[in-house]
Amino acid sequence: MTMFGVEGEHWTWNNEGYPDLKYNPSDADFINANCIKWWYLNNDGITEGMLSYVPGQQKTLALIERKAITVYKPEIGLNDQDED
């Protein structure tokens, strides 16, 4: 969790088990001044998404609404080599 800054100073855990950031993750000046992104140990879609997750913001609400109507079909990417 070092990628969010110092626990207790920059963020705390909420009741749902997610970090409550005490800063705006879109504030590049703050992020860079505190070297928060410098400490990326592992990066994937989940951690990228969490950096953008700020409860109550329009961007977060839009992503939640989009998730509710999105149907994932990973089988579309599969290729059956036996078919002619």
N, C-alpha and C. Protein backbone atom coordinates (compact mmCIF):
# COMPACT_ATOMS: atom_id res chain seq x y z
N MET A 1 0.82 -1.20 0.00
CA MET A 1 0.00 0.00 0.00
C MET A 1 0.86 1.26 0.00
N THR A 2 2.17 1.11 -0.14
CA THR A 2 3.02 2.30 -0.13
C THR A 2 2.70 3.23 -1.29
N MET A 3 2.04 2.72 -2.31
CA MET A 3 1.75 3.55 -3.46
C MET A 3 0.72 4.63 -3.16
N PHE A 4 0.02 4.55 -2.02
CA PHE A 4 -0.97 5.57 -1.66
C PHE A 4 -0.38 6.60 -0.72
N GLY A 5 0.85 6.42 -0.30
CA GLY A 5 1.47 7.33 0.64
C GLY A 5 1.61 6.65 2.00
N VAL A 6 1.71 7.45 3.03
CA VAL A 6 1.93 6.95 4.38
C VAL A 6 0.58 6.71 5.05
N GLU A 7 0.38 5.46 5.52
CA GLU A 7 -0.88 5.14 6.21
C GLU A 7 -0.99 6.00 7.47
N GLY A 8 -2.17 6.56 7.68
CA GLY A 8 -2.41 7.43 8.82
C GLY A 8 -2.13 8.89 8.52
N GLU A 9 -1.21 9.14 7.61
CA GLU A 9 -0.90 10.52 7.22
C GLU A 9 -1.60 10.90 5.92
N HIS A 10 -1.46 10.05 4.91
CA HIS A 10 -2.05 10.33 3.60
C HIS A 10 -3.35 9.57 3.36
N TRP A 11 -3.57 8.50 4.11
CA TRP A 11 -4.77 7.68 3.92
C TRP A 11 -5.03 6.82 5.15
N THR A 12 -6.28 6.35 5.28
CA THR A 12 -6.69 5.41 6.32
C THR A 12 -7.63 4.39 5.70
N TRP A 13 -7.84 3.26 6.37
CA TRP A 13 -8.78 2.25 5.89
C TRP A 13 -10.20 2.68 6.23
N ASN A 14 -11.15 2.43 5.31
CA ASN A 14 -12.55 2.67 5.64
C ASN A 14 -13.20 1.36 6.06
N ASN A 15 -14.46 1.41 6.45
CA ASN A 15 -15.17 0.22 6.93
C ASN A 15 -15.35 -0.84 5.87
N GLU A 16 -15.27 -0.47 4.60
CA GLU A 16 -15.43 -1.42 3.50
C GLU A 16 -14.11 -2.08 3.11
N GLY A 17 -13.01 -1.68 3.75
CA GLY A 17 -11.72 -2.27 3.46
C GLY A 17 -10.93 -1.59 2.35
N TYR A 18 -11.35 -0.39 1.96
CA TYR A 18 -10.65 0.38 0.94
C TYR A 18 -9.94 1.56 1.59
N PRO A 19 -8.88 2.04 0.96
CA PRO A 19 -8.22 3.20 1.54
C PRO A 19 -9.02 4.48 1.30
N ASP A 20 -9.16 5.29 2.34
CA ASP A 20 -9.73 6.63 2.21
C ASP A 20 -8.56 7.59 2.08
N LEU A 21 -8.41 8.13 0.90
CA LEU A 21 -7.29 9.04 0.65
C LEU A 21 -7.61 10.41 1.25
N LYS A 22 -6.62 11.01 1.87
CA LYS A 22 -6.79 12.34 2.46
C LYS A 22 -6.33 13.42 1.48
N TYR A 23 -6.22 13.06 0.22
CA TYR A 23 -5.80 13.98 -0.82
C TYR A 23 -6.53 13.62 -2.10
N ASN A 24 -6.51 14.51 -3.05
CA ASN A 24 -7.11 14.26 -4.35
C ASN A 24 -6.09 13.52 -5.21
N PRO A 25 -6.37 12.27 -5.62
CA PRO A 25 -5.39 11.52 -6.40
C PRO A 25 -5.13 12.10 -7.78
N SER A 26 -5.93 13.07 -8.19
CA SER A 26 -5.71 13.74 -9.47
C SER A 26 -4.81 14.97 -9.32
N ASP A 27 -4.43 15.29 -8.09
CA ASP A 27 -3.59 16.46 -7.82
C ASP A 27 -2.13 16.08 -8.06
N ALA A 28 -1.67 16.28 -9.28
CA ALA A 28 -0.32 15.87 -9.67
C ALA A 28 0.76 16.57 -8.84
N ASP A 29 0.53 17.82 -8.46
CA ASP A 29 1.52 18.53 -7.65
C ASP A 29 1.72 17.84 -6.30
N PHE A 30 0.62 17.45 -5.66
CA PHE A 30 0.71 16.75 -4.37
C PHE A 30 1.36 15.38 -4.54
N ILE A 31 0.91 14.64 -5.56
CA ILE A 31 1.44 13.29 -5.82
C ILE A 31 2.95 13.35 -6.03
N ASN A 32 3.38 14.26 -6.87
CA ASN A 32 4.81 14.36 -7.17
C ASN A 32 5.61 14.88 -5.98
N ALA A 33 5.06 15.86 -5.25
CA ALA A 33 5.76 16.42 -4.10
C ALA A 33 5.96 15.39 -2.99
N ASN A 34 5.04 14.43 -2.90
CA ASN A 34 5.13 13.41 -1.85
C ASN A 34 5.68 12.08 -2.36
N CYS A 35 6.11 12.06 -3.62
CA CYS A 35 6.73 10.87 -4.23
C CYS A 35 5.85 9.63 -4.09
N ILE A 36 4.57 9.81 -4.14
CA ILE A 36 3.67 8.69 -3.93
C ILE A 36 3.78 7.68 -5.07
N LYS A 37 3.75 8.11 -6.31
CA LYS A 37 3.81 7.18 -7.43
C LYS A 37 5.21 6.57 -7.58
N TRP A 38 6.20 7.18 -6.99
CA TRP A 38 7.55 6.66 -7.07
C TRP A 38 7.63 5.26 -6.45
N TRP A 39 6.76 4.98 -5.49
CA TRP A 39 6.86 3.74 -4.73
C TRP A 39 6.05 2.60 -5.32
N TYR A 40 5.72 2.64 -6.59
CA TYR A 40 4.99 1.53 -7.22
C TYR A 40 5.83 0.27 -7.15
N LEU A 41 5.31 -0.74 -6.47
CA LEU A 41 6.01 -2.02 -6.41
C LEU A 41 5.43 -2.99 -7.42
N ASN A 42 4.15 -2.88 -7.65
CA ASN A 42 3.46 -3.74 -8.60
C ASN A 42 2.30 -2.93 -9.15
N ASN A 43 2.07 -3.02 -10.42
CA ASN A 43 1.03 -2.21 -11.02
C ASN A 43 0.17 -3.08 -11.91
N ASP A 44 -1.14 -2.93 -11.75
CA ASP A 44 -2.07 -3.64 -12.61
C ASP A 44 -3.34 -2.80 -12.72
N GLY A 45 -4.34 -3.33 -13.39
CA GLY A 45 -5.58 -2.59 -13.57
C GLY A 45 -6.29 -2.29 -12.27
N ILE A 46 -6.15 -3.15 -11.28
CA ILE A 46 -6.81 -2.93 -10.00
C ILE A 46 -6.19 -1.76 -9.27
N THR A 47 -4.88 -1.74 -9.17
CA THR A 47 -4.24 -0.64 -8.45
C THR A 47 -4.41 0.68 -9.20
N GLU A 48 -4.39 0.64 -10.50
CA GLU A 48 -4.64 1.86 -11.28
C GLU A 48 -6.04 2.39 -11.00
N GLY A 49 -7.00 1.47 -10.96
CA GLY A 49 -8.37 1.87 -10.70
C GLY A 49 -8.56 2.44 -9.32
N MET A 50 -7.87 1.87 -8.33
CA MET A 50 -8.01 2.36 -6.96
C MET A 50 -7.49 3.77 -6.80
N LEU A 51 -6.48 4.14 -7.56
CA LEU A 51 -5.97 5.51 -7.47
C LEU A 51 -7.01 6.52 -7.94
N SER A 52 -7.91 6.09 -8.80
CA SER A 52 -8.96 6.97 -9.31
C SER A 52 -10.24 6.89 -8.50
N TYR A 53 -10.31 5.94 -7.53
CA TYR A 53 -11.53 5.73 -6.76
C TYR A 53 -11.62 6.75 -5.64
N VAL A 54 -12.53 7.70 -5.78
CA VAL A 54 -12.79 8.68 -4.74
C VAL A 54 -14.31 8.72 -4.54
N PRO A 55 -14.81 8.12 -3.44
CA PRO A 55 -16.26 8.05 -3.23
C PRO A 55 -16.93 9.42 -3.37
N GLY A 56 -18.06 9.43 -4.08
CA GLY A 56 -18.84 10.65 -4.22
C GLY A 56 -18.48 11.52 -5.42
N GLN A 57 -17.30 11.32 -6.01
CA GLN A 57 -16.93 12.14 -7.16
C GLN A 57 -17.65 11.63 -8.40
N GLN A 58 -17.92 12.54 -9.32
CA GLN A 58 -18.65 12.21 -10.53
C GLN A 58 -17.97 11.10 -11.32
N LYS A 59 -16.64 11.13 -11.39
CA LYS A 59 -15.89 10.12 -12.14
C LYS A 59 -16.12 8.73 -11.52
N THR A 60 -16.10 8.63 -10.21
CA THR A 60 -16.31 7.36 -9.52
C THR A 60 -17.74 6.87 -9.72
N LEU A 61 -18.70 7.76 -9.59
CA LEU A 61 -20.10 7.39 -9.77
C LEU A 61 -20.35 6.89 -11.20
N ALA A 62 -19.73 7.54 -12.17
CA ALA A 62 -19.89 7.11 -13.57
C ALA A 62 -19.31 5.72 -13.78
N LEU A 63 -18.16 5.42 -13.17
CA LEU A 63 -17.56 4.11 -13.31
C LEU A 63 -18.43 3.03 -12.66
N ILE A 64 -19.03 3.35 -11.52
CA ILE A 64 -19.91 2.41 -10.84
C ILE A 64 -21.15 2.14 -11.70
N GLU A 65 -21.71 3.18 -12.28
CA GLU A 65 -22.87 3.00 -13.17
C GLU A 65 -22.51 2.17 -14.39
N ARG A 66 -21.34 2.42 -14.95
CA ARG A 66 -20.89 1.67 -16.13
C ARG A 66 -20.69 0.20 -15.78
N LYS A 67 -20.12 -0.07 -14.60
CA LYS A 67 -19.90 -1.45 -14.17
C LYS A 67 -21.22 -2.20 -14.07
N ALA A 68 -22.28 -1.52 -13.64
CA ALA A 68 -23.58 -2.16 -13.44
C ALA A 68 -24.19 -2.67 -14.76
N ILE A 69 -23.81 -2.08 -15.88
CA ILE A 69 -24.40 -2.47 -17.17
C ILE A 69 -23.41 -3.17 -18.10
N THR A 70 -22.17 -3.34 -17.65
CA THR A 70 -21.15 -3.97 -18.48
C THR A 70 -21.24 -5.48 -18.38
N VAL A 71 -21.23 -6.15 -19.52
CA VAL A 71 -21.24 -7.60 -19.57
C VAL A 71 -19.89 -8.03 -20.14
N TYR A 72 -19.14 -8.77 -19.34
CA TYR A 72 -17.83 -9.24 -19.79
C TYR A 72 -17.97 -10.60 -20.44
N LYS A 73 -17.38 -10.76 -21.60
CA LYS A 73 -17.43 -12.03 -22.33
C LYS A 73 -16.02 -12.39 -22.77
N PRO A 74 -15.21 -12.91 -21.84
CA PRO A 74 -13.83 -13.23 -22.20
C PRO A 74 -13.72 -14.29 -23.28
N GLU A 75 -14.77 -15.10 -23.43
CA GLU A 75 -14.71 -16.14 -24.45
C GLU A 75 -14.64 -15.59 -25.87
N ILE A 76 -14.98 -14.33 -26.06
CA ILE A 76 -14.90 -13.71 -27.39
C ILE A 76 -13.46 -13.74 -27.90
N GLY A 77 -12.50 -13.64 -26.99
CA GLY A 77 -11.10 -13.62 -27.39
C GLY A 77 -10.51 -14.98 -27.62
N LEU A 78 -11.27 -16.02 -27.34
CA LEU A 78 -10.75 -17.37 -27.55
C LEU A 78 -10.85 -17.76 -29.02
N ASN A 79 -9.94 -18.57 -29.47
CA ASN A 79 -9.93 -19.01 -30.85
C ASN A 79 -9.87 -20.53 -30.87
N ASP A 80 -10.90 -21.14 -31.42
CA ASP A 80 -10.93 -22.61 -31.52
C ASP A 80 -10.20 -23.01 -32.80
N GLN A 81 -9.04 -23.59 -32.66
CA GLN A 81 -8.22 -23.97 -33.80
C GLN A 81 -8.77 -25.18 -34.56
N ASP A 82 -9.69 -25.93 -33.94
CA ASP A 82 -10.21 -27.14 -34.58
C ASP A 82 -11.32 -26.85 -35.58
N GLU A 83 -11.88 -25.65 -35.53
CA GLU A 83 -12.98 -25.33 -36.45
C GLU A 83 -12.43 -25.01 -37.83
N ASP A 84 -13.19 -25.40 -38.85
CA ASP A 84 -12.80 -25.07 -40.24
C ASP A 84 -13.64 -23.95 -40.77
